Amino acid sequence: MTEHANTFLLVTILLLVTILLIFGMKYFSAMRQAHARVTTDTAFRELAEKATALQSDAVAALASVRTELADIKLRLASVEKILKEVE
C-alpha cells in the first residue's frame, strides 16, 4: 500500500508541477506580448513624430519656394516690360 501511496503522491506532484509550468508559460507569454506591444507603440509614436516634423519642414520649404517664385515672376514681368519698351 505504501508503494501505491508513493506512486499516487508522485503523480499528483508531477501533475501540479505541470499545471504550474503551463500557467507560468502563459504568464511569460502574456508578459512578452505586452512588452512587444509597448515597444511597437513607442516605435510608431516616434515614426509619427518624425513624419510630423518632416511635414512641417516640407511646408516651410514649400512656402520659401513660393516666395522665391513670386519674386521671379515679378522680375520676369519687369524684364518683359523693359523688352517691350525697347522694341
N, C-alpha and C. Protein backbone atom coordinates (compact mmCIF):
# COMPACT_ATOMS: atom_id res chain seq x y z
N MET A 1 0.81 -1.18 0.00
CA MET A 1 0.00 0.00 0.00
C MET A 1 0.86 1.25 0.00
N THR A 2 1.99 1.23 0.63
CA THR A 2 2.87 2.37 0.67
C THR A 2 3.40 2.70 -0.72
N GLU A 3 3.65 1.64 -1.48
CA GLU A 3 4.15 1.85 -2.85
C GLU A 3 3.10 2.55 -3.69
N HIS A 4 1.84 2.18 -3.53
CA HIS A 4 0.75 2.83 -4.27
C HIS A 4 0.58 4.28 -3.81
N ALA A 5 0.75 4.53 -2.54
CA ALA A 5 0.63 5.89 -2.00
C ALA A 5 1.76 6.76 -2.52
N ASN A 6 2.97 6.20 -2.56
CA ASN A 6 4.12 6.95 -3.09
C ASN A 6 3.92 7.26 -4.57
N THR A 7 3.42 6.29 -5.32
CA THR A 7 3.17 6.49 -6.75
C THR A 7 2.09 7.56 -6.94
N PHE A 8 1.02 7.47 -6.16
CA PHE A 8 -0.05 8.47 -6.24
C PHE A 8 0.47 9.86 -5.90
N LEU A 9 1.28 9.95 -4.85
CA LEU A 9 1.85 11.23 -4.45
C LEU A 9 2.76 11.79 -5.54
N LEU A 10 3.57 10.94 -6.13
CA LEU A 10 4.48 11.37 -7.20
C LEU A 10 3.70 11.86 -8.41
N VAL A 11 2.67 11.11 -8.81
CA VAL A 11 1.85 11.50 -9.96
C VAL A 11 1.13 12.82 -9.66
N THR A 12 0.62 12.98 -8.46
CA THR A 12 -0.07 14.20 -8.07
C THR A 12 0.88 15.39 -8.10
N ILE A 13 2.08 15.22 -7.57
CA ILE A 13 3.07 16.30 -7.58
C ILE A 13 3.46 16.65 -9.01
N LEU A 14 3.69 15.66 -9.85
CA LEU A 14 4.04 15.92 -11.26
C LEU A 14 2.91 16.64 -11.98
N LEU A 15 1.67 16.27 -11.70
CA LEU A 15 0.53 16.94 -12.31
C LEU A 15 0.46 18.40 -11.87
N LEU A 16 0.65 18.65 -10.59
CA LEU A 16 0.62 20.03 -10.09
C LEU A 16 1.77 20.85 -10.66
N VAL A 17 2.95 20.25 -10.75
CA VAL A 17 4.10 20.96 -11.33
C VAL A 17 3.82 21.27 -12.80
N THR A 18 3.22 20.33 -13.52
CA THR A 18 2.88 20.56 -14.92
C THR A 18 1.89 21.71 -15.06
N ILE A 19 0.87 21.72 -14.21
CA ILE A 19 -0.11 22.80 -14.23
C ILE A 19 0.56 24.14 -13.94
N LEU A 20 1.44 24.17 -12.94
CA LEU A 20 2.16 25.40 -12.62
C LEU A 20 3.04 25.86 -13.78
N LEU A 21 3.69 24.91 -14.45
CA LEU A 21 4.51 25.27 -15.61
C LEU A 21 3.67 25.85 -16.74
N ILE A 22 2.50 25.27 -16.96
CA ILE A 22 1.63 25.77 -18.03
C ILE A 22 1.20 27.20 -17.73
N PHE A 23 0.75 27.46 -16.49
CA PHE A 23 0.36 28.82 -16.13
C PHE A 23 1.55 29.77 -16.16
N GLY A 24 2.70 29.30 -15.76
CA GLY A 24 3.90 30.13 -15.83
C GLY A 24 4.24 30.50 -17.26
N MET A 25 4.12 29.55 -18.18
CA MET A 25 4.40 29.83 -19.59
C MET A 25 3.37 30.80 -20.16
N LYS A 26 2.09 30.66 -19.76
CA LYS A 26 1.07 31.60 -20.22
C LYS A 26 1.37 33.01 -19.72
N TYR A 27 1.76 33.11 -18.46
CA TYR A 27 2.10 34.42 -17.89
C TYR A 27 3.30 35.01 -18.60
N PHE A 28 4.33 34.21 -18.82
CA PHE A 28 5.54 34.67 -19.51
C PHE A 28 5.20 35.13 -20.93
N SER A 29 4.34 34.37 -21.62
CA SER A 29 3.93 34.73 -22.98
C SER A 29 3.16 36.04 -22.98
N ALA A 30 2.25 36.21 -22.04
CA ALA A 30 1.49 37.46 -21.96
C ALA A 30 2.41 38.64 -21.66
N MET A 31 3.39 38.41 -20.79
CA MET A 31 4.34 39.47 -20.46
C MET A 31 5.16 39.87 -21.69
N ARG A 32 5.61 38.88 -22.46
CA ARG A 32 6.39 39.17 -23.66
C ARG A 32 5.55 39.91 -24.71
N GLN A 33 4.28 39.51 -24.85
CA GLN A 33 3.40 40.19 -25.80
C GLN A 33 3.16 41.63 -25.39
N ALA A 34 2.97 41.86 -24.12
CA ALA A 34 2.77 43.23 -23.64
C ALA A 34 4.02 44.08 -23.88
N HIS A 35 5.17 43.50 -23.64
CA HIS A 35 6.43 44.22 -23.86
C HIS A 35 6.60 44.53 -25.35
N ALA A 36 6.29 43.57 -26.19
CA ALA A 36 6.40 43.79 -27.64
C ALA A 36 5.42 44.85 -28.10
N ARG A 37 4.22 44.87 -27.53
CA ARG A 37 3.22 45.86 -27.90
C ARG A 37 3.68 47.26 -27.51
N VAL A 38 4.25 47.38 -26.32
CA VAL A 38 4.75 48.69 -25.86
C VAL A 38 5.89 49.16 -26.76
N THR A 39 6.78 48.25 -27.10
CA THR A 39 7.91 48.59 -27.98
C THR A 39 7.41 49.04 -29.35
N THR A 40 6.44 48.31 -29.89
CA THR A 40 5.89 48.66 -31.20
C THR A 40 5.17 50.00 -31.15
N ASP A 41 4.39 50.22 -30.09
CA ASP A 41 3.68 51.50 -29.96
C ASP A 41 4.67 52.66 -29.86
N THR A 42 5.74 52.46 -29.13
CA THR A 42 6.75 53.50 -29.00
C THR A 42 7.41 53.79 -30.35
N ALA A 43 7.71 52.73 -31.09
CA ALA A 43 8.32 52.92 -32.41
C ALA A 43 7.38 53.66 -33.35
N PHE A 44 6.09 53.31 -33.33
CA PHE A 44 5.13 54.00 -34.19
C PHE A 44 4.97 55.46 -33.77
N ARG A 45 4.99 55.72 -32.47
CA ARG A 45 4.87 57.10 -31.99
C ARG A 45 6.06 57.92 -32.45
N GLU A 46 7.27 57.36 -32.35
CA GLU A 46 8.47 58.07 -32.81
C GLU A 46 8.40 58.31 -34.32
N LEU A 47 7.93 57.32 -35.05
CA LEU A 47 7.80 57.47 -36.50
C LEU A 47 6.80 58.56 -36.85
N ALA A 48 5.70 58.62 -36.13
CA ALA A 48 4.69 59.66 -36.38
C ALA A 48 5.26 61.04 -36.05
N GLU A 49 6.04 61.15 -34.97
CA GLU A 49 6.65 62.44 -34.63
C GLU A 49 7.64 62.88 -35.70
N LYS A 50 8.44 61.93 -36.19
CA LYS A 50 9.39 62.26 -37.26
C LYS A 50 8.65 62.70 -38.52
N ALA A 51 7.57 61.99 -38.86
CA ALA A 51 6.81 62.33 -40.06
C ALA A 51 6.20 63.73 -39.92
N THR A 52 5.71 64.05 -38.72
CA THR A 52 5.14 65.38 -38.49
C THR A 52 6.21 66.46 -38.63
N ALA A 53 7.38 66.20 -38.06
CA ALA A 53 8.47 67.18 -38.17
C ALA A 53 8.90 67.36 -39.62
N LEU A 54 9.02 66.26 -40.35
CA LEU A 54 9.41 66.36 -41.76
C LEU A 54 8.33 67.07 -42.58
N GLN A 55 7.07 66.84 -42.24
CA GLN A 55 6.00 67.51 -42.95
C GLN A 55 6.04 69.02 -42.68
N SER A 56 6.34 69.40 -41.45
CA SER A 56 6.48 70.81 -41.13
C SER A 56 7.63 71.44 -41.90
N ASP A 57 8.75 70.72 -41.99
CA ASP A 57 9.89 71.21 -42.78
C ASP A 57 9.51 71.35 -44.25
N ALA A 58 8.75 70.38 -44.76
CA ALA A 58 8.34 70.44 -46.17
C ALA A 58 7.43 71.63 -46.41
N VAL A 59 6.54 71.92 -45.47
CA VAL A 59 5.64 73.07 -45.62
C VAL A 59 6.45 74.36 -45.62
N ALA A 60 7.44 74.45 -44.73
CA ALA A 60 8.28 75.65 -44.68
C ALA A 60 9.07 75.81 -45.98
N ALA A 61 9.60 74.69 -46.49
CA ALA A 61 10.36 74.75 -47.75
C ALA A 61 9.45 75.15 -48.91
N LEU A 62 8.24 74.63 -48.91
CA LEU A 62 7.30 74.98 -49.97
C LEU A 62 6.93 76.46 -49.91
N ALA A 63 6.75 76.99 -48.73
CA ALA A 63 6.45 78.42 -48.59
C ALA A 63 7.62 79.27 -49.10
N SER A 64 8.83 78.82 -48.81
CA SER A 64 10.02 79.54 -49.28
C SER A 64 10.09 79.50 -50.81
N VAL A 65 9.81 78.35 -51.38
CA VAL A 65 9.83 78.23 -52.85
C VAL A 65 8.76 79.11 -53.47
N ARG A 66 7.59 79.16 -52.85
CA ARG A 66 6.52 80.02 -53.38
C ARG A 66 6.93 81.49 -53.34
N THR A 67 7.57 81.90 -52.26
CA THR A 67 8.03 83.28 -52.15
C THR A 67 9.04 83.61 -53.24
N GLU A 68 9.99 82.71 -53.43
CA GLU A 68 11.01 82.92 -54.46
C GLU A 68 10.40 82.92 -55.85
N LEU A 69 9.40 82.06 -56.07
CA LEU A 69 8.74 82.02 -57.37
C LEU A 69 7.98 83.32 -57.64
N ALA A 70 7.34 83.84 -56.63
CA ALA A 70 6.64 85.12 -56.79
C ALA A 70 7.63 86.23 -57.11
N ASP A 71 8.79 86.21 -56.47
CA ASP A 71 9.83 87.19 -56.75
C ASP A 71 10.34 87.06 -58.19
N ILE A 72 10.53 85.83 -58.63
CA ILE A 72 11.00 85.59 -60.01
C ILE A 72 9.95 86.08 -61.01
N LYS A 73 8.67 85.84 -60.70
CA LYS A 73 7.61 86.31 -61.59
C LYS A 73 7.62 87.83 -61.71
N LEU A 74 7.82 88.51 -60.59
CA LEU A 74 7.88 89.98 -60.64
C LEU A 74 9.07 90.44 -61.48
N ARG A 75 10.22 89.82 -61.30
CA ARG A 75 11.40 90.20 -62.08
C ARG A 75 11.19 89.93 -63.56
N LEU A 76 10.58 88.78 -63.87
CA LEU A 76 10.33 88.44 -65.27
C LEU A 76 9.36 89.45 -65.89
N ALA A 77 8.35 89.86 -65.15
CA ALA A 77 7.40 90.85 -65.67
C ALA A 77 8.10 92.17 -65.96
N SER A 78 9.02 92.56 -65.05
CA SER A 78 9.73 93.82 -65.30
C SER A 78 10.67 93.69 -66.49
N VAL A 79 11.31 92.54 -66.67
CA VAL A 79 12.18 92.33 -67.83
C VAL A 79 11.36 92.36 -69.11
N GLU A 80 10.19 91.73 -69.09
CA GLU A 80 9.33 91.75 -70.28
C GLU A 80 8.87 93.17 -70.60
N LYS A 81 8.57 93.94 -69.56
CA LYS A 81 8.16 95.34 -69.77
C LYS A 81 9.29 96.14 -70.41
N ILE A 82 10.52 95.93 -69.92
CA ILE A 82 11.68 96.64 -70.48
C ILE A 82 11.89 96.23 -71.93
N LEU A 83 11.79 94.94 -72.21
CA LEU A 83 11.99 94.46 -73.59
C LEU A 83 10.92 95.03 -74.52
N LYS A 84 9.69 95.13 -74.05
CA LYS A 84 8.63 95.70 -74.91
C LYS A 84 8.90 97.19 -75.18
N GLU A 85 9.43 97.89 -74.18
CA GLU A 85 9.74 99.31 -74.37
C GLU A 85 10.88 99.50 -75.36
N VAL A 86 11.81 98.56 -75.35
CA VAL A 86 12.95 98.66 -76.25
C VAL A 86 12.52 98.44 -77.70
N GLU A 87 11.59 97.62 -77.96
CA GLU A 87 11.13 97.32 -79.33
C GLU A 87 10.46 98.48 -79.92
